[in-house]
C-alpha atoms as a PDB file:
ATOM      1  CA  MET A   1     -41.417  22.386  -4.205  1.00  0.00           C
ATOM      2  CA  SER A   2     -42.915  19.005  -3.358  1.00  0.00           C
ATOM      3  CA  ASN A   3     -43.337  16.106  -5.772  1.00  0.00           C
ATOM      4  CA  VAL A   4     -42.000  18.073  -8.710  1.00  0.00           C
ATOM      5  CA  HIS A   5     -41.453  16.253 -11.976  1.00  0.00           C
ATOM      6  CA  SER A   6     -41.342  16.884 -15.690  1.00  0.00           C
ATOM      7  CA  GLY A   7     -44.586  18.137 -17.168  1.00  0.00           C
ATOM      8  CA  ASN A   8     -43.830  16.831 -20.647  1.00  0.00           C
ATOM      9  CA  VAL A   9     -46.123  13.804 -20.346  1.00  0.00           C
ATOM     10  CA  LEU A  10     -49.191  15.402 -18.768  1.00  0.00           C
ATOM     11  CA  PHE A  11     -48.766  18.657 -20.689  1.00  0.00           C
ATOM     12  CA  PRO A  12     -47.195  17.825 -24.073  1.00  0.00           C
ATOM     13  CA  ARG A  13     -48.643  20.878 -25.864  1.00  0.00           C
ATOM     14  CA  THR A  14     -47.355  23.202 -23.163  1.00  0.00           C
ATOM     15  CA  ALA A  15     -43.909  21.604 -23.188  1.00  0.00           C
ATOM     16  CA  SER A  16     -43.762  21.985 -26.964  1.00  0.00           C
ATOM     17  CA  ALA A  17     -44.831  25.635 -26.779  1.00  0.00           C
ATOM     18  CA  LEU A  18     -42.227  26.386 -24.107  1.00  0.00           C
ATOM     19  CA  GLY A  19     -39.607  24.814 -26.320  1.00  0.00           C
ATOM     20  CA  GLU A  20     -40.657  27.136 -29.152  1.00  0.00           C
ATOM     21  CA  VAL A  21     -40.622  30.406 -27.192  1.00  0.00           C
ATOM     22  CA  GLY A  22     -38.212  29.668 -24.301  1.00  0.00           C
ATOM     23  CA  LEU A  23     -34.487  29.570 -23.892  1.00  0.00           C
ATOM     24  CA  PRO A  24     -32.748  26.394 -25.098  1.00  0.00           C
ATOM     25  CA  GLY A  25     -33.255  23.806 -22.408  1.00  0.00           C
ATOM     26  CA  ALA A  26     -36.271  25.571 -20.882  1.00  0.00           C
ATOM     27  CA  ALA A  27     -38.050  23.031 -18.699  1.00  0.00           C
ATOM     28  CA  LEU A  28     -41.729  22.531 -17.970  1.00  0.00           C
ATOM     29  CA  LEU A  29     -42.327  21.333 -14.416  1.00  0.00           C
ATOM     30  CA  HIS A  30     -45.443  19.958 -12.758  1.00  0.00           C
ATOM     31  CA  THR A  31     -46.384  19.402  -9.131  1.00  0.00           C
ATOM     32  CA  ASP A  32     -49.515  18.001  -7.567  1.00  0.00           C
ATOM     33  CA  LEU A  33     -49.349  20.301  -4.536  1.00  0.00           C
ATOM     34  CA  THR A  34     -47.252  23.290  -3.530  1.00  0.00           C
ATOM     35  CA  THR A  35     -47.594  26.395  -1.429  1.00  0.00           C
ATOM     36  CA  SER A  36     -47.133  28.801  -4.349  1.00  0.00           C
ATOM     37  CA  THR A  37     -45.789  28.400  -7.872  1.00  0.00           C
ATOM     38  CA  GLN A  38     -44.574  32.001  -7.609  1.00  0.00           C
ATOM     39  CA  ASP A  39     -42.435  31.252  -4.575  1.00  0.00           C
ATOM     40  CA  ASP A  40     -41.161  28.004  -6.077  1.00  0.00           C
ATOM     41  CA  LEU A  41     -39.816  29.673  -9.201  1.00  0.00           C
ATOM     42  CA  ALA A  42     -38.382  32.580  -7.218  1.00  0.00           C
ATOM     43  CA  GLU A  43     -36.470  30.061  -5.127  1.00  0.00           C
ATOM     44  CA  LEU A  44     -35.304  28.271  -8.269  1.00  0.00           C
ATOM     45  CA  TRP A  45     -33.944  31.551  -9.655  1.00  0.00           C
ATOM     46  CA  LEU A  46     -32.103  32.400  -6.455  1.00  0.00           C
ATOM     47  CA  ASN A  47     -30.607  28.928  -6.140  1.00  0.00           C
ATOM     48  CA  SER A  48     -29.524  28.793  -9.784  1.00  0.00           C
ATOM     49  CA  GLY A  49     -27.671  32.089  -9.664  1.00  0.00           C
ATOM     50  CA  GLY A  50     -29.351  33.236 -12.867  1.00  0.00           C
ATOM     51  CA  VAL A  51     -28.852  32.390 -16.531  1.00  0.00           C
ATOM     52  CA  PRO A  52     -26.458  33.521 -19.269  1.00  0.00           C
ATOM     53  CA  ALA A  53     -29.172  34.804 -21.630  1.00  0.00           C
ATOM     54  CA  SER A  54     -32.570  36.486 -21.445  1.00  0.00           C
ATOM     55  CA  GLY A  55     -35.904  34.826 -22.174  1.00  0.00           C
ATOM     56  CA  LEU A  56     -38.304  32.259 -20.739  1.00  0.00           C
ATOM     57  CA  VAL A  57     -36.372  29.968 -18.415  1.00  0.00           C
ATOM     58  CA  CYS A  58     -39.005  27.479 -17.249  1.00  0.00           C
ATOM     59  CA  GLY A  59     -42.633  27.002 -16.323  1.00  0.00           C
ATOM     60  CA  LEU A  60     -44.401  25.343 -13.406  1.00  0.00           C
ATOM     61  CA  ILE A  61     -47.976  24.027 -13.380  1.00  0.00           C
ATOM     62  CA  ALA A  62     -49.560  23.043 -10.064  1.00  0.00           C
ATOM     63  CA  ASP A  63     -52.660  20.951  -9.490  1.00  0.00           C
ATOM     64  CA  GLU A  64     -53.265  22.677  -6.171  1.00  0.00           C
ATOM     65  CA  GLN A  65     -51.716  25.478  -4.114  1.00  0.00           C
ATOM     66  CA  SER A  66     -52.028  25.836  -0.359  1.00  0.00           C
ATOM     67  CA  ASP A  67     -50.915  29.467  -0.386  1.00  0.00           C
ATOM     68  CA  GLY A  68     -51.617  30.740  -3.883  1.00  0.00           C
ATOM     69  CA  ARG A  69     -51.955  34.499  -4.163  1.00  0.00           C
ATOM     70  CA  GLY A  70     -53.105  37.259  -6.432  1.00  0.00           C
ATOM     71  CA  ARG A  71     -52.349  40.964  -6.476  1.00  0.00           C
ATOM     72  CA  MET A  72     -51.789  42.866  -3.203  1.00  0.00           C
ATOM     73  CA  GLY A  73     -51.242  39.644  -1.272  1.00  0.00           C
ATOM     74  CA  ARG A  74     -54.740  38.277  -1.757  1.00  0.00           C
ATOM     75  CA  SER A  75     -55.369  34.558  -1.926  1.00  0.00           C
ATOM     76  CA  TRP A  76     -56.220  32.804  -5.182  1.00  0.00           C
ATOM     77  CA  PHE A  77     -58.926  30.150  -4.966  1.00  0.00           C
ATOM     78  CA  ALA A  78     -58.695  27.186  -7.322  1.00  0.00           C
ATOM     79  CA  THR A  79     -59.558  23.506  -7.639  1.00  0.00           C
ATOM     80  CA  LYS A  80     -57.409  20.736  -9.049  1.00  0.00           C
ATOM     81  CA  ASP A  81     -59.327  20.096 -12.250  1.00  0.00           C
ATOM     82  CA  GLY A  82     -61.190  23.353 -12.680  1.00  0.00           C
ATOM     83  CA  SER A  83     -58.315  25.810 -12.892  1.00  0.00           C
ATOM     84  CA  LEU A  84     -54.993  26.469 -14.551  1.00  0.00           C
ATOM     85  CA  LEU A  85     -52.314  27.488 -12.038  1.00  0.00           C
ATOM     86  CA  PHE A  86     -49.248  28.363 -14.080  1.00  0.00           C
ATOM     87  CA  SER A  87     -46.154  30.443 -13.369  1.00  0.00           C
ATOM     88  CA  VAL A  88     -43.213  31.105 -15.655  1.00  0.00           C
ATOM     89  CA  LEU A  89     -39.717  32.259 -14.786  1.00  0.00           C
ATOM     90  CA  ILE A  90     -38.369  34.917 -17.129  1.00  0.00           C
ATOM     91  CA  ALA A  91     -34.854  36.303 -17.392  1.00  0.00           C
ATOM     92  CA  VAL A  92     -35.490  39.904 -18.362  1.00  0.00           C
ATOM     93  CA  PRO A  93     -32.548  41.853 -19.830  1.00  0.00           C
ATOM     94  CA  GLU A  94     -31.348  45.044 -18.164  1.00  0.00           C
ATOM     95  CA  THR A  95     -32.638  47.038 -21.146  1.00  0.00           C
ATOM     96  CA  VAL A  96     -36.221  46.333 -20.004  1.00  0.00           C
ATOM     97  CA  ARG A  97     -35.751  47.625 -16.435  1.00  0.00           C
ATOM     98  CA  ALA A  98     -37.559  50.911 -17.103  1.00  0.00           C
ATOM     99  CA  GLU A  99     -40.496  49.002 -18.613  1.00  0.00           C
ATOM    100  CA  LEU A 100     -40.776  46.139 -16.123  1.00  0.00           C
ATOM    101  CA  SER A 101     -44.466  46.750 -15.465  1.00  0.00           C
ATOM    102  CA  TRP A 102     -45.080  45.887 -19.124  1.00  0.00           C
ATOM    103  CA  VAL A 103     -43.924  42.315 -18.510  1.00  0.00           C
ATOM    104  CA  THR A 104     -47.095  41.815 -16.467  1.00  0.00           C
ATOM    105  CA  PHE A 105     -49.192  43.700 -19.018  1.00  0.00           C
ATOM    106  CA  ALA A 106     -47.726  41.407 -21.690  1.00  0.00           C
ATOM    107  CA  GLY A 107     -48.901  38.449 -19.621  1.00  0.00           C
ATOM    108  CA  ALA A 108     -52.424  39.845 -19.348  1.00  0.00           C
ATOM    109  CA  LEU A 109     -52.554  40.575 -23.072  1.00  0.00           C
ATOM    110  CA  ALA A 110     -51.281  37.073 -23.816  1.00  0.00           C
ATOM    111  CA  ALA A 111     -53.897  35.457 -21.578  1.00  0.00           C
ATOM    112  CA  ARG A 112     -56.690  37.470 -23.174  1.00  0.00           C
ATOM    113  CA  ALA A 113     -55.528  36.647 -26.700  1.00  0.00           C
ATOM    114  CA  ALA A 114     -55.098  32.960 -25.877  1.00  0.00           C
ATOM    115  CA  LEU A 115     -58.580  32.685 -24.365  1.00  0.00           C
ATOM    116  CA  GLU A 116     -60.059  34.491 -27.334  1.00  0.00           C
ATOM    117  CA  LYS A 117     -58.429  32.034 -29.725  1.00  0.00           C
ATOM    118  CA  LEU A 118     -59.863  29.223 -27.589  1.00  0.00           C
ATOM    119  CA  GLY A 119     -63.377  30.594 -28.110  1.00  0.00           C
ATOM    120  CA  ALA A 120     -63.958  32.973 -25.180  1.00  0.00           C
ATOM    121  CA  ASP A 121     -65.184  36.564 -25.437  1.00  0.00           C
ATOM    122  CA  VAL A 122     -63.001  38.369 -22.887  1.00  0.00           C
ATOM    123  CA  ALA A 123     -61.344  41.684 -22.151  1.00  0.00           C
ATOM    124  CA  ILE A 124     -58.769  43.114 -19.751  1.00  0.00           C
ATOM    125  CA  SER A 125     -59.759  44.884 -16.561  1.00  0.00           C
ATOM    126  CA  TRP A 126     -56.907  47.254 -15.733  1.00  0.00           C
ATOM    127  CA  PRO A 127     -54.317  46.503 -14.669  1.00  0.00           C
ATOM    128  CA  ASN A 128     -54.109  42.742 -15.195  1.00  0.00           C
ATOM    129  CA  ASP A 129     -57.355  40.827 -14.739  1.00  0.00           C
ATOM    130  CA  ILE A 130     -59.284  39.052 -17.475  1.00  0.00           C
ATOM    131  CA  VAL A 131     -63.063  39.507 -17.460  1.00  0.00           C
ATOM    132  CA  THR A 132     -65.912  38.126 -19.514  1.00  0.00           C
ATOM    133  CA  ARG A 133     -67.871  40.136 -22.029  1.00  0.00           C
ATOM    134  CA  PRO A 134     -70.412  41.610 -21.619  1.00  0.00           C
ATOM    135  CA  HIS A 135     -70.901  40.993 -17.887  1.00  0.00           C
ATOM    136  CA  ALA A 136     -67.341  41.801 -16.710  1.00  0.00           C
ATOM    137  CA  ALA A 137     -67.082  38.786 -14.395  1.00  0.00           C
ATOM    138  CA  LYS A 138     -63.526  37.972 -13.370  1.00  0.00           C
ATOM    139  CA  LEU A 139     -62.194  34.928 -15.174  1.00  0.00           C
ATOM    140  CA  ALA A 140     -58.428  35.141 -14.691  1.00  0.00           C
ATOM    141  CA  GLY A 141     -55.688  37.178 -13.073  1.00  0.00           C
ATOM    142  CA  LEU A 142     -51.983  37.832 -13.566  1.00  0.00           C
ATOM    143  CA  LEU A 143     -49.273  38.510 -10.990  1.00  0.00           C
ATOM    144  CA  GLY A 144     -45.748  39.651 -11.846  1.00  0.00           C
ATOM    145  CA  GLU A 145     -42.997  39.700  -9.231  1.00  0.00           C
ATOM    146  CA  VAL A 146     -39.332  40.719  -9.403  1.00  0.00           C
ATOM    147  CA  VAL A 147     -36.895  38.328  -7.710  1.00  0.00           C
ATOM    148  CA  SER A 148     -33.362  39.667  -8.198  1.00  0.00           C
ATOM    149  CA  THR A 149     -30.738  40.599 -10.775  1.00  0.00           C
ATOM    150  CA  ASP A 150     -28.088  37.999 -11.612  1.00  0.00           C
ATOM    151  CA  ALA A 151     -24.401  38.451 -12.382  1.00  0.00           C
ATOM    152  CA  ALA A 152     -25.118  38.700 -16.110  1.00  0.00           C
ATOM    153  CA  GLY A 153     -27.496  41.608 -15.548  1.00  0.00           C
ATOM    154  CA  ASN A 154     -30.673  39.623 -16.177  1.00  0.00           C
ATOM    155  CA  ILE A 155     -33.614  40.430 -13.927  1.00  0.00           C
ATOM    156  CA  GLY A 156     -35.452  37.386 -12.631  1.00  0.00           C
ATOM    157  CA  VAL A 157     -39.207  37.857 -12.947  1.00  0.00           C
ATOM    158  CA  VAL A 158     -41.888  35.335 -12.036  1.00  0.00           C
ATOM    159  CA  LEU A 159     -45.157  35.803 -13.924  1.00  0.00           C
ATOM    160  CA  GLY A 160     -48.120  33.819 -12.706  1.00  0.00           C
ATOM    161  CA  VAL A 161     -51.538  33.290 -14.227  1.00  0.00           C
ATOM    162  CA  GLY A 162     -54.629  31.743 -12.713  1.00  0.00           C
ATOM    163  CA  ILE A 163     -57.500  30.902 -15.053  1.00  0.00           C
ATOM    164  CA  ASN A 164     -60.888  29.550 -14.036  1.00  0.00           C
ATOM    165  CA  LEU A 165     -61.569  26.829 -16.577  1.00  0.00           C
ATOM    166  CA  GLY A 166     -64.251  24.338 -15.544  1.00  0.00           C
ATOM    167  CA  LEU A 167     -65.228  25.583 -12.088  1.00  0.00           C
ATOM    168  CA  ARG A 168     -68.935  25.200 -11.324  1.00  0.00           C
ATOM    169  CA  ALA A 169     -70.930  28.190 -10.114  1.00  0.00           C
ATOM    170  CA  GLU A 170     -70.927  26.937  -6.522  1.00  0.00           C
ATOM    171  CA  GLU A 171     -67.121  26.621  -6.618  1.00  0.00           C
ATOM    172  CA  LEU A 172     -66.470  30.239  -7.617  1.00  0.00           C
ATOM    173  CA  PRO A 173     -65.018  32.408  -4.836  1.00  0.00           C
ATOM    174  CA  THR A 174     -67.227  35.491  -5.318  1.00  0.00           C
ATOM    175  CA  PRO A 175     -70.506  36.454  -7.022  1.00  0.00           C
ATOM    176  CA  THR A 176     -68.517  38.553  -9.509  1.00  0.00           C
ATOM    177  CA  SER A 177     -66.269  35.652 -10.546  1.00  0.00           C
ATOM    178  CA  ALA A 178     -66.743  33.380 -13.540  1.00  0.00           C
ATOM    179  CA  SER A 179     -65.205  30.371 -15.207  1.00  0.00           C
ATOM    180  CA  LEU A 180     -65.171  29.498 -18.874  1.00  0.00           C
ATOM    181  CA  ALA A 181     -67.800  26.903 -18.038  1.00  0.00           C
ATOM    182  CA  THR A 182     -70.186  29.230 -16.196  1.00  0.00           C
ATOM    183  CA  ALA A 183     -69.777  31.889 -18.878  1.00  0.00           C
ATOM    184  CA  GLY A 184     -70.816  29.414 -21.547  1.00  0.00           C
ATOM    185  CA  PHE A 185     -67.478  29.412 -23.367  1.00  0.00           C
ATOM    186  CA  PRO A 186     -65.609  26.315 -24.605  1.00  0.00           C
ATOM    187  CA  VAL A 187     -63.556  24.732 -21.814  1.00  0.00           C
ATOM    188  CA  PRO A 188     -60.080  23.668 -22.997  1.00  0.00           C
ATOM    189  CA  SER A 189     -57.814  21.345 -21.071  1.00  0.00           C
ATOM    190  CA  ARG A 190     -55.123  22.877 -18.887  1.00  0.00           C
ATOM    191  CA  ASP A 191     -52.600  21.739 -21.480  1.00  0.00           C
ATOM    192  CA  GLU A 192     -54.409  23.526 -24.313  1.00  0.00           C
ATOM    193  CA  ALA A 193     -54.861  26.723 -22.318  1.00  0.00           C
ATOM    194  CA  ALA A 194     -51.260  26.838 -21.064  1.00  0.00           C
ATOM    195  CA  ALA A 195     -49.823  26.155 -24.521  1.00  0.00           C
ATOM    196  CA  ALA A 196     -51.932  28.875 -26.124  1.00  0.00           C
ATOM    197  CA  TYR A 197     -50.911  31.315 -23.392  1.00  0.00           C
ATOM    198  CA  LEU A 198     -47.198  30.551 -23.772  1.00  0.00           C
ATOM    199  CA  ARG A 199     -47.221  31.174 -27.508  1.00  0.00           C
ATOM    200  CA  GLU A 200     -48.987  34.518 -27.076  1.00  0.00           C
ATOM    201  CA  LEU A 201     -46.692  35.468 -24.194  1.00  0.00           C
ATOM    202  CA  GLY A 202     -43.546  34.569 -26.109  1.00  0.00           C
ATOM    203  CA  ALA A 203     -44.530  36.833 -29.000  1.00  0.00           C
ATOM    204  CA  ARG A 204     -45.272  39.796 -26.733  1.00  0.00           C
ATOM    205  CA  LEU A 205     -42.149  39.427 -24.622  1.00  0.00           C
ATOM    206  CA  ALA A 206     -40.034  39.274 -27.771  1.00  0.00           C
ATOM    207  CA  ALA A 207     -41.684  42.454 -29.052  1.00  0.00           C
ATOM    208  CA  LEU A 208     -41.136  44.243 -25.725  1.00  0.00           C
ATOM    209  CA  MET A 209     -37.491  43.199 -25.440  1.00  0.00           C
ATOM    210  CA  SER A 210     -36.822  44.203 -29.029  1.00  0.00           C
ATOM    211  CA  ALA A 211     -38.479  47.589 -28.528  1.00  0.00           C
ATOM    212  CA  CYS A 212     -36.459  48.235 -25.364  1.00  0.00           C
ATOM    213  CA  GLU A 213     -33.235  47.263 -27.101  1.00  0.00           C
ATOM    214  CA  SER A 214     -33.971  49.568 -30.029  1.00  0.00           C
ATOM    215  CA  GLY A 215     -34.574  52.466 -27.652  1.00  0.00           C
ATOM    216  CA  ILE A 216     -31.207  52.325 -25.876  1.00  0.00           C
ATOM    217  CA  SER A 217     -29.451  54.779 -28.181  1.00  0.00           C
ATOM    218  CA  THR A 218     -32.370  57.211 -28.023  1.00  0.00           C
ATOM    219  CA  ALA A 219     -32.440  57.125 -24.228  1.00  0.00           C
ATOM    220  CA  ALA A 220     -28.677  57.528 -24.000  1.00  0.00           C
ATOM    221  CA  ALA A 221     -28.733  60.520 -26.326  1.00  0.00           C
ATOM    222  CA  SER A 222     -31.434  62.197 -24.228  1.00  0.00           C
ATOM    223  CA  GLY A 223     -29.610  61.535 -20.975  1.00  0.00           C
ATOM    224  CA  ALA A 224     -32.391  59.337 -19.620  1.00  0.00           C
ATOM    225  CA  VAL A 225     -31.604  57.488 -16.414  1.00  0.00           C
ATOM    226  CA  VAL A 226     -32.996  53.967 -16.087  1.00  0.00           C
ATOM    227  CA  PRO A 227     -34.790  53.796 -12.728  1.00  0.00           C
ATOM    228  CA  GLU A 228     -34.247  51.033 -10.222  1.00  0.00           C
ATOM    229  CA  MET A 229     -37.252  48.914  -9.241  1.00  0.00           C
ATOM    230  CA  ALA A 230     -37.549  47.137  -5.929  1.00  0.00           C
ATOM    231  CA  ALA A 231     -38.465  43.487  -5.676  1.00  0.00           C
ATOM    232  CA  GLY A 232     -42.190  42.782  -5.452  1.00  0.00           C
ATOM    233  CA  ASP A 233     -45.306  43.267  -7.552  1.00  0.00           C
ATOM    234  CA  LEU A 234     -44.792  44.725 -11.005  1.00  0.00           C
ATOM    235  CA  GLU A 235     -47.263  47.594 -11.206  1.00  0.00           C
ATOM    236  CA  ALA A 236     -47.547  50.714 -13.304  1.00  0.00           C
ATOM    237  CA  SER A 237     -45.056  53.173 -11.816  1.00  0.00           C
ATOM    238  CA  ASP A 238     -44.561  56.924 -11.867  1.00  0.00           C
ATOM    239  CA  ALA A 239     -40.798  56.302 -12.086  1.00  0.00           C
ATOM    240  CA  GLY A 240     -41.156  54.761 -15.535  1.00  0.00           C
ATOM    241  CA  SER A 241     -43.133  57.678 -16.926  1.00  0.00           C
ATOM    242  CA  SER A 242     -40.233  60.155 -17.029  1.00  0.00           C
ATOM    243  CA  ALA A 243     -38.179  57.950 -19.339  1.00  0.00           C
ATOM    244  CA  ALA A 244     -41.228  57.127 -21.446  1.00  0.00           C
ATOM    245  CA  GLU A 245     -42.056  60.774 -21.961  1.00  0.00           C
ATOM    246  CA  ARG A 246     -38.605  61.626 -23.315  1.00  0.00           C
ATOM    247  CA  SER A 247     -39.169  59.655 -26.505  1.00  0.00           C
ATOM    248  CA  THR A 248     -41.504  57.116 -28.013  1.00  0.00           C
ATOM    249  CA  SER A 249     -41.831  54.431 -25.374  1.00  0.00           C
ATOM    250  CA  ALA A 250     -41.055  50.758 -25.773  1.00  0.00           C
ATOM    251  CA  ALA A 251     -44.693  50.062 -24.909  1.00  0.00           C
ATOM    252  CA  GLU A 252     -45.687  52.026 -28.007  1.00  0.00           C
ATOM    253  CA  ARG A 253     -43.000  50.636 -30.299  1.00  0.00           C
ATOM    254  CA  SER A 254     -43.827  47.059 -29.295  1.00  0.00           C
ATOM    255  CA  GLY A 255     -47.533  47.526 -30.008  1.00  0.00           C
ATOM    256  CA  LEU A 256     -48.458  46.522 -26.445  1.00  0.00           C
ATOM    257  CA  LEU A 257     -49.827  49.940 -25.493  1.00  0.00           C
ATOM    258  CA  ALA A 258     -52.165  50.052 -28.488  1.00  0.00           C
ATOM    259  CA  GLU A 259     -53.293  46.477 -27.858  1.00  0.00           C
ATOM    260  CA  LEU A 260     -54.008  47.200 -24.198  1.00  0.00           C
ATOM    261  CA  ASN A 261     -56.064  50.288 -25.001  1.00  0.00           C
ATOM    262  CA  ALA A 262     -57.972  48.358 -27.661  1.00  0.00           C
ATOM    263  CA  THR A 263     -58.855  45.407 -25.419  1.00  0.00           C
ATOM    264  CA  CYS A 264     -59.376  47.053 -22.010  1.00  0.00           C
ATOM    265  CA  ALA A 265     -62.906  46.913 -20.574  1.00  0.00           C
ATOM    266  CA  THR A 266     -61.957  49.585 -18.027  1.00  0.00           C
ATOM    267  CA  LEU A 267     -62.138  52.292 -20.697  1.00  0.00           C
ATOM    268  CA  ARG A 268     -65.835  52.998 -20.246  1.00  0.00           C
ATOM    269  CA  GLU A 269     -68.327  54.941 -18.162  1.00  0.00           C
ATOM    270  CA  GLY A 270     -69.242  54.046 -14.610  1.00  0.00           C
ATOM    271  CA  ILE A 271     -66.037  52.583 -13.197  1.00  0.00           C
ATOM    272  CA  THR A 272     -64.689  52.818  -9.667  1.00  0.00           C
ATOM    273  CA  VAL A 273     -60.988  52.597  -8.871  1.00  0.00           C
ATOM    274  CA  ASN A 274     -60.163  51.817  -5.233  1.00  0.00           C
ATOM    275  CA  ARG A 275     -56.678  53.039  -4.339  1.00  0.00           C
ATOM    276  CA  PRO A 276     -54.541  51.536  -1.536  1.00  0.00           C
ATOM    277  CA  ARG A 277     -53.687  54.808   0.197  1.00  0.00           C
ATOM    278  CA  ASP A 278     -56.188  57.273  -1.224  1.00  0.00           C
ATOM    279  CA  THR A 279     -59.889  57.865  -1.813  1.00  0.00           C
ATOM    280  CA  PRO A 280     -61.725  55.902  -4.536  1.00  0.00           C
ATOM    281  CA  VAL A 281     -62.057  57.495  -7.957  1.00  0.00           C
ATOM    282  CA  HIS A 282     -65.373  57.312  -9.829  1.00  0.00           C
ATOM    283  CA  GLY A 283     -65.779  58.212 -13.476  1.00  0.00           C
ATOM    284  CA  ARG A 284     -65.001  57.183 -17.033  1.00  0.00           C
ATOM    285  CA  GLY A 285     -61.891  55.283 -18.001  1.00  0.00           C
ATOM    286  CA  VAL A 286     -60.274  57.319 -20.770  1.00  0.00           C
ATOM    287  CA  GLN A 287     -56.965  55.697 -21.701  1.00  0.00           C
ATOM    288  CA  ILE A 288     -53.908  53.827 -20.514  1.00  0.00           C
ATOM    289  CA  LEU A 289     -50.636  55.725 -20.761  1.00  0.00           C
ATOM    290  CA  ALA A 290     -47.200  54.537 -21.854  1.00  0.00           C
ATOM    291  CA  ASP A 291     -46.137  53.987 -18.229  1.00  0.00           C
ATOM    292  CA  GLY A 292     -49.198  51.796 -17.657  1.00  0.00           C
ATOM    293  CA  ALA A 293     -51.148  54.355 -15.648  1.00  0.00           C
ATOM    294  CA  LEU A 294     -54.912  54.662 -16.084  1.00  0.00           C
ATOM    295  CA  VAL A 295     -56.537  58.031 -16.816  1.00  0.00           C
ATOM    296  CA  VAL A 296     -60.038  58.447 -15.379  1.00  0.00           C
ATOM    297  CA  ALA A 297     -62.270  61.390 -16.266  1.00  0.00           C
ATOM    298  CA  THR A 298     -64.161  62.602 -13.182  1.00  0.00           C
ATOM    299  CA  THR A 299     -66.426  65.550 -12.413  1.00  0.00           C
ATOM    300  CA  ALA A 300     -63.362  67.294 -10.966  1.00  0.00           C
ATOM    301  CA  GLY A 301     -61.162  66.615 -13.999  1.00  0.00           C
ATOM    302  CA  ASP A 302     -58.867  63.845 -15.228  1.00  0.00           C
ATOM    303  CA  VAL A 303     -57.114  61.695 -12.617  1.00  0.00           C
ATOM    304  CA  ARG A 304     -53.995  59.669 -13.382  1.00  0.00           C
ATOM    305  CA  ILE A 305     -53.854  56.405 -11.396  1.00  0.00           C
ATOM    306  CA  SER A 306     -50.785  54.181 -11.132  1.00  0.00           C
ATOM    307  CA  THR A 307     -52.063  51.555  -8.676  1.00  0.00           C
ATOM    308  CA  GLY A 308     -55.588  50.499  -7.840  1.00  0.00           C
ATOM    309  CA  GLU A 309     -58.385  47.941  -8.016  1.00  0.00           C
ATOM    310  CA  VAL A 310     -61.114  48.519 -10.574  1.00  0.00           C
ATOM    311  CA  SER A 311     -64.779  47.701 -10.272  1.00  0.00           C
ATOM    312  CA  LEU A 312     -66.621  47.628 -13.608  1.00  0.00           C
ATOM    313  CA  LEU A 313     -69.986  47.222 -11.906  1.00  0.00           C
ATOM    314  CA  GLY A 314     -70.478  50.783 -10.743  1.00  0.00           C
ATOM    315  CA  ARG A 315     -69.733  52.358  -7.386  1.00  0.00           C
ATOM    316  CA  VAL A 316     -69.184  49.221  -5.374  1.00  0.00           C
ATOM    317  CA  ALA A 317     -66.108  47.886  -3.635  1.00  0.00           C
ATOM    318  CA  PRO A 318     -64.122  45.270  -5.582  1.00  0.00           C
ATOM    319  CA  SER A 319     -64.323  41.676  -4.473  1.00  0.00           C
ATOM    320  CA  GLU A 320     -61.612  40.534  -2.083  1.00  0.00           C
ATOM    321  CA  GLY A 321     -61.353  37.090  -3.591  1.00  0.00           C
ATOM    322  CA  LYS A 322     -59.806  36.003  -6.813  1.00  0.00           C
END
C-alpha cells in the first residue's frame, strides 16, 4: 500500500459506521493510489497473523487503483471522484465455512439496500452485481476473496465493492453500465455511500454468523461434514449444497436467502447465463437456492447454475468491463 493514512478525517461517517459494526479497534484506511484494495487487505491479513475474534477488522478506501479487478479477474474501471472503491477485511468464524459464498451475497444485499436508502432504485443481478431499475444497467459490483485461516480458526475474507457514483456517460466503461448520476438518482459523497454500506453489511454479517452458530448442533447431529474451500473468489458452490439440504440452511435462518430472492432482477424471463466451461443457458430465472445457485427454466427443463455471468438484456454476451 502506498501513501496509506487514516480515513477518519476525509471519511468521518464511514469511520463512525465501522466503529459501530466492526471489531474494537477496527481501522478505516485511505490511500490516494494503490494497485488493488483487495490485495492490500489480503497482505495486511497475512502479515498480521489474524485476529483473536471474528468480525469486521478494517476497511480501505482508494481514490484510484492501477490494477483494480472484478469477478473472474476482470478489470474494474473507476475515476477518482466518480466512484467508490472500498474493500473490507473480515475475520469469518469457522462456523461460517460451509456458507462462505453468502459473505459475498451479504455484501451485494448490503450495497443494494444502502443505495436504495440513498434514493436509488436498484436490484441485484445474480450473483453479485447491482443494476438499475428498470433498465438493468450495471451500477456496482462485489468481489469476495478468501485469504487464509489464522491460528484462532478465523477465515480471512476480503470483500470489495465498486460503485459508480458521479461518473459521466462518456466515462462509463461499457454501453450497459450506469452511474447514479447517469441513472438520474441522487449522488451521495463517497463517505455517505460507504457509511450506509457498512451499516447494512454489519447487520447482514451478524445475522449470517448467528445463523451459522445456531446450526452447529443440528449439523453435528446429522453428521454433516463442513467442506473446505480453497482461496479465491467466493462463488455459489455445489459443495455447500449438501450441508444446506440436510437441515434448514443458515442462508434461510438469517433471512438472506429470502431477501436475495425478493430483490434479484435475474428472476425474470429472457435472461442469458454465460458459463465459464459450458454452453450458455437461455430462459427464465426461477429462484436462488440455499447454496446460492440459480435455477433457470429452459425449454429443456430446469437448469441449476452455480457459476456464471448473467445478461438481463436478452440473448447477448455480457459486457467484459465493469
